[in-house]
Amino acid sequence: MNWPLARRKRALQQRAQILKAIRDFFITQGYLEVETPHRIPAPAPESHIDAVTSGSWFLHTSPELCLKRMLASGYDKIFQICRCWRDKERGTQHIPEFTVLEWYRTDCNYRSLMEECEILIRALASAIGLGEKILFRDQEIDLTSSWERISVKEAFKHYGATSAREALERQLFDEIMVRDIEPNLGMGKPTFLYDYPAERGSLAHLREDDPSVAERFELYVGGLELANGFSELIDAEEQRERFNEENQTRRLLGKTTYPMPETFLRELKDMPPSAGIAMGIDRLVMVLLNTPSIDEVVAFTPEEL
């Protein structure tokens, strides 16, 4: 008998309940569930995300580009649950083939999505018999209202040894985030870390009153990032410039550069003001089931195949 697989049976049963509850939530809220291709000609160029090749195309790292094309074509509330792939990602919190929930709404912004995140996660906890408080990593997490909201600028001031701007200039932003900032987020109650530096918002709309920051947030529970959302950038020329900058960074890092997603850029002009978010299903299940490793909430790890 495959004992690791047998041991996960209860977790996989609860995972199935969570997936059903996600679908029930969005359908009740008037969202349309859609399916987009997993294999695409060009991913969104991002310096820190490496796509897996599939012939001359790529396995998508996110359904984002196709979902935004649907918004541009008149769909107003859509969601998708699908597999995604990112090369060389493996650890207790990472797996190279993983499951993502993404949803998009027109006529809303990143703050509206923060509110929707709260409602969704409380609904999912209730669906599997949890109360208003859950345990994760020896922390009691209160899911009731008034989740913490802290800007990146404030977080670096409270927890970092330098400002966010200085960290960017010294190319230490990601290192300080992982080492000093993230372990302090989502303790006691979930935390929304918001208003990222513009340099860290490659597909996000910049704030009208402060273009040095992007209307982007990430959700943390017990130090673990669960979701990444933002008000969408809908200026095609600015988006092209940002993609070119990301490819330039990839080139300097010795990474493969990606072709421009021309069809997406061509249709972006038709996209209305919108907001979208990606949430990792595997990590969400880890949190709700209080498991220390992603290996415990998936049927098979790569090493078991």
Protein backbone atom coordinates (compact mmCIF):
# COMPACT_ATOMS: atom_id res chain seq x y z
CA MET A 1 0.00 0.00 0.00
CA ASN A 2 1.10 3.58 -0.70
CA TRP A 3 1.04 4.71 2.93
CA PRO A 4 1.65 8.46 2.33
CA LEU A 5 -1.28 8.53 -0.11
CA ALA A 6 -3.50 6.54 2.26
CA ARG A 7 -2.59 8.86 5.14
CA ARG A 8 -3.85 11.88 3.20
CA LYS A 9 -7.34 10.50 2.62
CA ARG A 10 -9.03 12.62 5.30
CA ALA A 11 -7.25 15.77 4.14
CA LEU A 12 -8.23 15.12 0.52
CA GLN A 13 -11.86 14.59 1.55
CA GLN A 14 -11.82 17.96 3.31
CA ARG A 15 -10.06 19.53 0.33
CA ALA A 16 -12.94 18.35 -1.88
CA GLN A 17 -15.41 19.97 0.54
CA ILE A 18 -13.48 23.24 0.33
CA LEU A 19 -13.46 23.19 -3.48
CA LYS A 20 -17.21 22.57 -3.53
CA ALA A 21 -17.74 25.43 -1.07
CA ILE A 22 -15.65 27.76 -3.25
CA ARG A 23 -17.80 27.00 -6.27
CA ASP A 24 -21.01 27.38 -4.27
CA PHE A 25 -19.81 30.76 -2.94
CA PHE A 26 -19.01 32.27 -6.32
CA ILE A 27 -22.04 30.89 -8.11
CA THR A 28 -24.26 32.31 -5.35
CA GLN A 29 -22.49 35.68 -5.82
CA GLY A 30 -23.36 35.68 -9.53
CA TYR A 31 -19.96 34.68 -10.91
CA LEU A 32 -19.56 32.53 -14.01
CA GLU A 33 -17.10 29.64 -13.74
CA VAL A 34 -14.92 29.47 -16.86
CA GLU A 35 -12.11 27.32 -18.23
CA THR A 36 -9.17 28.72 -20.18
CA PRO A 37 -6.30 26.85 -21.89
CA HIS A 38 -3.40 25.57 -19.82
CA ARG A 39 -1.01 25.76 -22.77
CA ILE A 40 -0.40 29.26 -24.17
CA PRO A 41 1.98 30.92 -26.66
CA ALA A 42 3.31 33.55 -24.24
CA PRO A 43 3.13 34.00 -20.45
CA ALA A 44 3.12 37.41 -18.79
CA PRO A 45 6.81 38.36 -18.51
CA GLU A 46 7.67 38.59 -14.81
CA SER A 47 11.24 38.54 -13.54
CA HIS A 48 10.61 36.22 -10.58
CA ILE A 49 8.28 33.66 -12.22
CA ASP A 50 9.68 31.00 -14.58
CA ALA A 51 7.33 29.21 -16.95
CA VAL A 52 7.57 25.56 -17.98
CA THR A 53 7.96 25.10 -21.73
CA SER A 54 5.62 22.90 -23.75
CA GLY A 55 7.06 22.59 -27.23
CA SER A 56 7.36 26.14 -28.57
CA TRP A 57 4.61 27.28 -26.15
CA PHE A 58 4.33 27.35 -22.34
CA LEU A 59 2.24 25.83 -19.57
CA HIS A 60 0.54 28.81 -18.00
CA THR A 61 1.81 30.15 -14.69
CA SER A 62 -1.63 31.71 -14.19
CA PRO A 63 -4.87 31.98 -16.20
CA GLU A 64 -4.65 35.76 -15.78
CA LEU A 65 -4.11 36.86 -19.38
CA CYS A 66 -6.98 34.77 -20.76
CA LEU A 67 -9.35 35.82 -17.97
CA LYS A 68 -8.61 39.48 -18.62
CA ARG A 69 -9.33 38.98 -22.30
CA MET A 70 -12.74 37.68 -21.22
CA LEU A 71 -13.34 40.85 -19.19
CA ALA A 72 -12.41 42.85 -22.28
CA SER A 73 -15.04 40.88 -24.21
CA GLY A 74 -17.91 41.77 -21.87
CA TYR A 75 -17.78 39.22 -19.02
CA ASP A 76 -18.21 41.02 -15.72
CA LYS A 77 -17.79 38.44 -12.91
CA ILE A 78 -15.75 35.30 -13.62
CA PHE A 79 -13.74 32.74 -11.69
CA GLN A 80 -11.56 29.75 -12.51
CA ILE A 81 -10.05 26.89 -10.51
CA CYS A 82 -7.19 25.29 -12.41
CA ARG A 83 -3.74 23.77 -12.39
CA CYS A 84 -0.74 26.06 -12.96
CA TRP A 85 2.96 25.40 -13.40
CA ARG A 86 6.08 27.30 -12.28
CA ASP A 87 9.54 25.96 -12.88
CA LYS A 88 11.94 25.17 -10.04
CA GLU A 89 9.44 25.85 -7.24
CA ARG A 90 9.64 23.22 -4.50
CA GLY A 91 9.55 23.33 -0.71
CA THR A 92 7.19 22.91 2.21
CA GLN A 93 5.09 25.80 0.82
CA HIS A 94 5.76 25.36 -2.91
CA ILE A 95 5.11 22.73 -5.53
CA PRO A 96 5.83 23.11 -9.28
CA GLU A 97 2.30 22.01 -10.31
CA PHE A 98 -0.31 23.59 -8.08
CA THR A 99 -3.96 24.64 -7.97
CA VAL A 100 -5.08 28.24 -8.19
CA LEU A 101 -8.38 30.05 -7.72
CA GLU A 102 -8.60 33.30 -9.66
CA TRP A 103 -11.54 35.66 -9.82
CA TYR A 104 -12.15 38.99 -11.54
CA ARG A 105 -14.82 41.67 -11.30
CA THR A 106 -15.45 44.77 -13.34
CA ASP A 107 -16.23 48.12 -11.74
CA CYS A 108 -14.34 47.41 -8.50
CA ASN A 109 -10.86 47.88 -7.05
CA TYR A 110 -8.39 46.09 -4.80
CA ARG A 111 -10.12 47.23 -1.62
CA SER A 112 -13.37 45.59 -2.73
CA LEU A 113 -11.47 42.34 -3.26
CA MET A 114 -10.02 42.49 0.26
CA GLU A 115 -13.57 42.58 1.60
CA GLU A 116 -14.60 39.68 -0.64
CA CYS A 117 -11.59 37.65 0.58
CA GLU A 118 -12.75 38.00 4.16
CA ILE A 119 -16.26 36.84 3.34
CA LEU A 120 -15.01 33.91 1.25
CA ILE A 121 -12.57 32.51 3.80
CA ARG A 122 -15.05 32.78 6.65
CA ALA A 123 -17.57 30.91 4.48
CA LEU A 124 -15.05 28.17 3.71
CA ALA A 125 -14.09 27.73 7.36
CA SER A 126 -17.77 27.38 8.23
CA ALA A 127 -18.31 24.87 5.39
CA ILE A 128 -15.85 22.39 6.90
CA GLY A 129 -17.09 22.83 10.45
CA LEU A 130 -14.57 25.34 11.78
CA GLY A 131 -15.60 28.25 13.96
CA GLU A 132 -14.60 31.89 13.91
CA LYS A 133 -11.13 30.99 15.15
CA ILE A 134 -8.72 28.50 13.59
CA LEU A 135 -5.29 27.14 14.53
CA PHE A 136 -2.33 27.37 12.17
CA ARG A 137 1.36 27.02 13.05
CA ASP A 138 0.55 27.09 16.78
CA GLN A 139 -1.23 30.42 16.31
CA GLU A 140 -4.90 31.06 17.01
CA ILE A 141 -6.21 33.04 14.04
CA ASP A 142 -9.37 35.09 14.52
CA LEU A 143 -11.42 35.15 11.30
CA THR A 144 -14.02 37.61 12.54
CA SER A 145 -14.21 41.13 11.09
CA SER A 146 -11.52 43.84 11.21
CA TRP A 147 -8.68 41.91 9.60
CA GLU A 148 -5.38 43.75 9.80
CA ARG A 149 -4.46 46.07 6.93
CA ILE A 150 -0.91 47.41 6.75
CA SER A 151 0.86 49.13 3.86
CA VAL A 152 4.24 47.91 2.61
CA LYS A 153 5.73 51.23 3.73
CA GLU A 154 4.40 50.73 7.25
CA ALA A 155 5.46 47.09 7.37
CA PHE A 156 9.07 47.94 6.49
CA LYS A 157 9.01 50.67 9.13
CA HIS A 158 7.73 48.27 11.81
CA TYR A 159 9.61 45.08 10.94
CA GLY A 160 12.45 45.88 8.54
CA ALA A 161 15.92 47.29 9.12
CA THR A 162 15.46 49.75 6.26
CA SER A 163 12.71 51.52 4.33
CA ALA A 164 10.98 49.86 1.40
CA ARG A 165 12.46 52.45 -0.98
CA GLU A 166 16.00 51.87 0.27
CA ALA A 167 15.49 48.10 0.10
CA LEU A 168 14.52 48.44 -3.57
CA GLU A 169 17.50 50.63 -4.35
CA ARG A 170 19.87 48.14 -2.68
CA GLN A 171 18.09 45.19 -4.37
CA LEU A 172 17.22 43.75 -0.95
CA PHE A 173 13.44 44.10 -1.11
CA ASP A 174 12.60 40.42 -1.63
CA GLU A 175 15.20 39.26 0.90
CA ILE A 176 13.87 41.57 3.62
CA MET A 177 10.29 40.64 2.79
CA VAL A 178 10.97 36.93 3.26
CA ARG A 179 13.28 37.25 6.27
CA ASP A 180 11.80 40.13 8.29
CA ILE A 181 8.33 41.10 7.07
CA GLU A 182 6.37 37.96 6.15
CA PRO A 183 6.99 36.03 9.42
CA ASN A 184 5.19 38.84 11.29
CA LEU A 185 2.09 38.97 9.10
CA GLY A 186 -1.20 37.23 9.79
CA MET A 187 -0.48 36.53 13.44
CA GLY A 188 -3.65 36.53 15.53
CA LYS A 189 -5.77 37.60 12.58
CA PRO A 190 -5.28 37.58 8.79
CA THR A 191 -3.30 40.50 7.37
CA PHE A 192 -3.64 42.37 4.09
CA LEU A 193 -0.28 43.84 3.05
CA TYR A 194 -1.15 46.54 0.52
CA ASP A 195 0.17 49.42 -1.60
CA TYR A 196 3.29 47.77 -3.00
CA PRO A 197 6.01 49.88 -4.62
CA ALA A 198 5.23 50.51 -8.29
CA GLU A 199 8.26 48.38 -9.18
CA ARG A 200 6.50 45.38 -7.63
CA GLY A 201 3.17 45.78 -9.40
CA SER A 202 3.85 44.67 -12.97
CA LEU A 203 0.16 44.24 -13.94
CA ALA A 204 -1.38 46.54 -11.33
CA HIS A 205 -2.90 50.01 -11.63
CA LEU A 206 -0.92 52.76 -9.88
CA ARG A 207 -2.66 54.93 -7.30
CA GLU A 208 -3.91 58.16 -8.82
CA ASP A 209 -2.86 60.20 -5.75
CA ASP A 210 0.53 58.46 -5.37
CA PRO A 211 1.90 56.79 -8.51
CA SER A 212 4.92 55.55 -6.57
CA VAL A 213 2.74 52.69 -5.28
CA ALA A 214 0.58 50.08 -7.00
CA GLU A 215 -2.94 49.16 -5.94
CA ARG A 216 -1.82 45.66 -5.03
CA PHE A 217 -2.25 43.53 -1.90
CA GLU A 218 -1.26 40.14 -0.59
CA LEU A 219 -3.13 38.18 2.08
CA TYR A 220 -1.19 36.46 4.87
CA VAL A 221 -2.30 33.98 7.53
CA GLY A 222 0.22 32.79 10.10
CA GLY A 223 3.11 34.16 8.06
CA LEU A 224 1.99 32.31 4.91
CA GLU A 225 0.98 34.20 1.77
CA LEU A 226 -2.38 33.00 0.46
CA ALA A 227 -3.41 35.47 -2.23
CA ASN A 228 -2.21 38.27 -4.49
CA GLY A 229 -4.69 40.79 -5.87
CA PHE A 230 -4.79 44.20 -7.47
CA SER A 231 -6.71 46.84 -9.34
CA GLU A 232 -5.95 46.02 -12.95
CA LEU A 233 -3.76 48.08 -15.25
CA ILE A 234 -5.78 48.67 -18.43
CA ASP A 235 -3.35 50.92 -20.34
CA ALA A 236 -1.87 48.69 -23.07
CA GLU A 237 1.16 50.87 -23.82
CA GLU A 238 2.13 51.16 -20.16
CA GLN A 239 1.64 47.41 -19.79
CA ARG A 240 3.93 46.77 -22.76
CA GLU A 241 6.61 48.99 -21.20
CA ARG A 242 6.38 47.10 -17.92
CA PHE A 243 6.63 43.73 -19.69
CA ASN A 244 9.73 44.99 -21.52
CA GLU A 245 11.25 46.07 -18.19
CA GLU A 246 10.52 42.64 -16.70
CA ASN A 247 12.17 40.94 -19.68
CA GLN A 248 15.17 43.22 -19.33
CA THR A 249 15.49 42.18 -15.69
CA ARG A 250 15.22 38.54 -16.71
CA ARG A 251 18.01 39.10 -19.24
CA LEU A 252 20.25 40.67 -16.60
CA LEU A 253 19.57 37.69 -14.32
CA GLY A 254 20.58 35.29 -17.07
CA LYS A 255 17.04 33.99 -17.50
CA THR A 256 15.09 33.23 -20.66
CA THR A 257 13.09 36.20 -21.94
CA TYR A 258 9.50 35.68 -23.03
CA PRO A 259 7.68 36.78 -26.19
CA MET A 260 5.17 39.59 -25.86
CA PRO A 261 1.58 38.37 -25.35
CA GLU A 262 0.44 40.44 -28.32
CA THR A 263 -3.18 39.29 -28.44
CA PHE A 264 -3.64 40.20 -24.79
CA LEU A 265 -2.04 43.61 -25.28
CA ARG A 266 -4.15 44.28 -28.37
CA GLU A 267 -7.40 43.56 -26.50
CA LEU A 268 -6.44 45.26 -23.23
CA LYS A 269 -7.79 48.61 -24.48
CA ASP A 270 -11.31 47.14 -24.30
CA MET A 271 -11.02 46.04 -20.69
CA PRO A 272 -13.10 48.10 -18.23
CA PRO A 273 -11.84 49.17 -14.78
CA SER A 274 -11.52 45.89 -12.89
CA ALA A 275 -9.82 44.03 -10.09
CA GLY A 276 -8.58 40.47 -9.90
CA ILE A 277 -6.97 38.08 -7.46
CA ALA A 278 -5.15 34.74 -7.41
CA MET A 279 -5.41 32.51 -4.35
CA GLY A 280 -3.38 29.33 -3.85
CA ILE A 281 -5.77 26.47 -3.14
CA ASP A 282 -3.09 24.16 -1.76
CA ARG A 283 -1.92 26.79 0.72
CA LEU A 284 -5.50 27.68 1.65
CA VAL A 285 -6.16 24.03 2.48
CA MET A 286 -2.91 23.95 4.50
CA VAL A 287 -4.20 26.83 6.62
CA LEU A 288 -7.73 25.53 7.11
CA LEU A 289 -6.50 22.02 8.00
CA ASN A 290 -3.52 23.27 10.06
CA THR A 291 -0.90 21.23 8.22
CA PRO A 292 2.82 22.15 8.16
CA SER A 293 3.57 21.12 4.59
CA ILE A 294 1.93 21.39 1.19
CA ASP A 295 2.75 17.69 0.73
CA GLU A 296 -0.05 16.78 3.16
CA VAL A 297 -2.86 18.39 1.12
CA VAL A 298 -2.11 17.16 -2.42
CA ALA A 299 -2.68 13.62 -3.69
CA PHE A 300 0.81 13.20 -5.16
CA THR A 301 4.05 15.10 -4.78
CA PRO A 302 6.48 15.20 -7.74
CA GLU A 303 8.83 12.83 -5.90
CA GLU A 304 6.08 10.18 -5.64
CA LEU A 305 5.39 9.98 -9.38
